[in-house]
Amino acid sequence: MSEEATQTAETAAQAEPESEEVSYQAVEKEGEVTAIWEMQGQKHLRTIHPKSNEGKQILALFETAG
């Protein structure tokens, strides 16, 4: 495989996961949300604390939608 083809394949592989939607998963323990996972497909992007400003905003969206 040429160097140019390798770079193109690497670029395509990097761009592919970005096409998947970002979703949020609440992690619960004993009925209480202990963490919020930001996911892109099967990839864990980051963990958000549920008591942070961002965590409260995300949880409020789920409470009004549910």
Protein backbone atom coordinates (compact mmCIF):
# COMPACT_ATOMS: atom_id res chain seq x y z
CA MET A 1 0.00 0.00 0.00
CA SER A 2 1.38 3.40 -0.92
CA GLU A 3 1.95 6.07 1.69
CA GLU A 4 -0.82 8.19 0.17
CA ALA A 5 -3.32 5.30 0.33
CA THR A 6 -2.34 4.62 3.94
CA GLN A 7 -2.94 8.26 4.90
CA THR A 8 -6.32 8.21 3.12
CA ALA A 9 -7.34 5.02 4.96
CA GLU A 10 -6.27 6.50 8.30
CA THR A 11 -8.22 9.69 7.60
CA ALA A 12 -11.33 7.69 6.69
CA ALA A 13 -11.01 5.59 9.85
CA GLN A 14 -10.72 8.72 11.97
CA ALA A 15 -13.72 10.39 10.29
CA GLU A 16 -15.99 7.33 10.51
CA PRO A 17 -16.73 7.41 14.27
CA GLU A 18 -17.56 11.12 14.07
CA SER A 19 -20.57 10.30 11.88
CA GLU A 20 -22.22 8.45 14.80
CA GLU A 21 -24.51 10.38 17.10
CA VAL A 22 -23.42 11.42 20.55
CA SER A 23 -25.65 9.99 23.26
CA TYR A 24 -25.77 10.07 27.04
CA GLN A 25 -26.17 7.17 29.45
CA ALA A 26 -27.04 7.61 33.10
CA VAL A 27 -25.15 5.31 35.46
CA GLU A 28 -27.25 4.49 38.49
CA LYS A 29 -26.40 2.94 41.84
CA GLU A 30 -29.13 2.23 44.39
CA GLY A 31 -31.60 4.33 42.36
CA GLU A 32 -29.38 7.41 42.21
CA VAL A 33 -27.54 8.73 39.15
CA THR A 34 -23.84 8.60 39.99
CA ALA A 35 -22.41 9.49 36.57
CA ILE A 36 -23.41 10.40 33.03
CA TRP A 37 -21.47 8.84 30.18
CA GLU A 38 -21.13 10.73 26.91
CA MET A 39 -20.95 8.09 24.18
CA GLN A 40 -20.37 8.12 20.44
CA GLY A 41 -21.59 4.76 19.20
CA GLN A 42 -19.79 2.23 21.43
CA LYS A 43 -16.96 4.65 22.29
CA HIS A 44 -16.93 6.33 25.72
CA LEU A 45 -15.97 9.97 25.22
CA ARG A 46 -16.11 11.29 28.78
CA THR A 47 -17.84 11.06 32.14
CA ILE A 48 -19.93 13.97 33.40
CA HIS A 49 -20.68 14.43 37.09
CA PRO A 50 -24.48 14.56 37.59
CA LYS A 51 -24.21 17.44 40.09
CA SER A 52 -22.15 19.64 37.77
CA ASN A 53 -23.94 22.39 35.83
CA GLU A 54 -23.68 20.37 32.62
CA GLY A 55 -24.86 17.20 34.35
CA LYS A 56 -27.90 18.99 35.78
CA GLN A 57 -28.78 20.35 32.32
CA ILE A 58 -28.56 16.88 30.74
CA LEU A 59 -30.64 15.28 33.49
CA ALA A 60 -33.26 18.04 33.21
CA LEU A 61 -33.65 17.24 29.50
CA PHE A 62 -34.29 13.58 30.27
CA GLU A 63 -36.75 14.38 33.08
CA THR A 64 -38.88 16.64 30.86
CA ALA A 65 -38.76 14.19 27.93
CA GLY A 66 -39.71 11.16 30.04
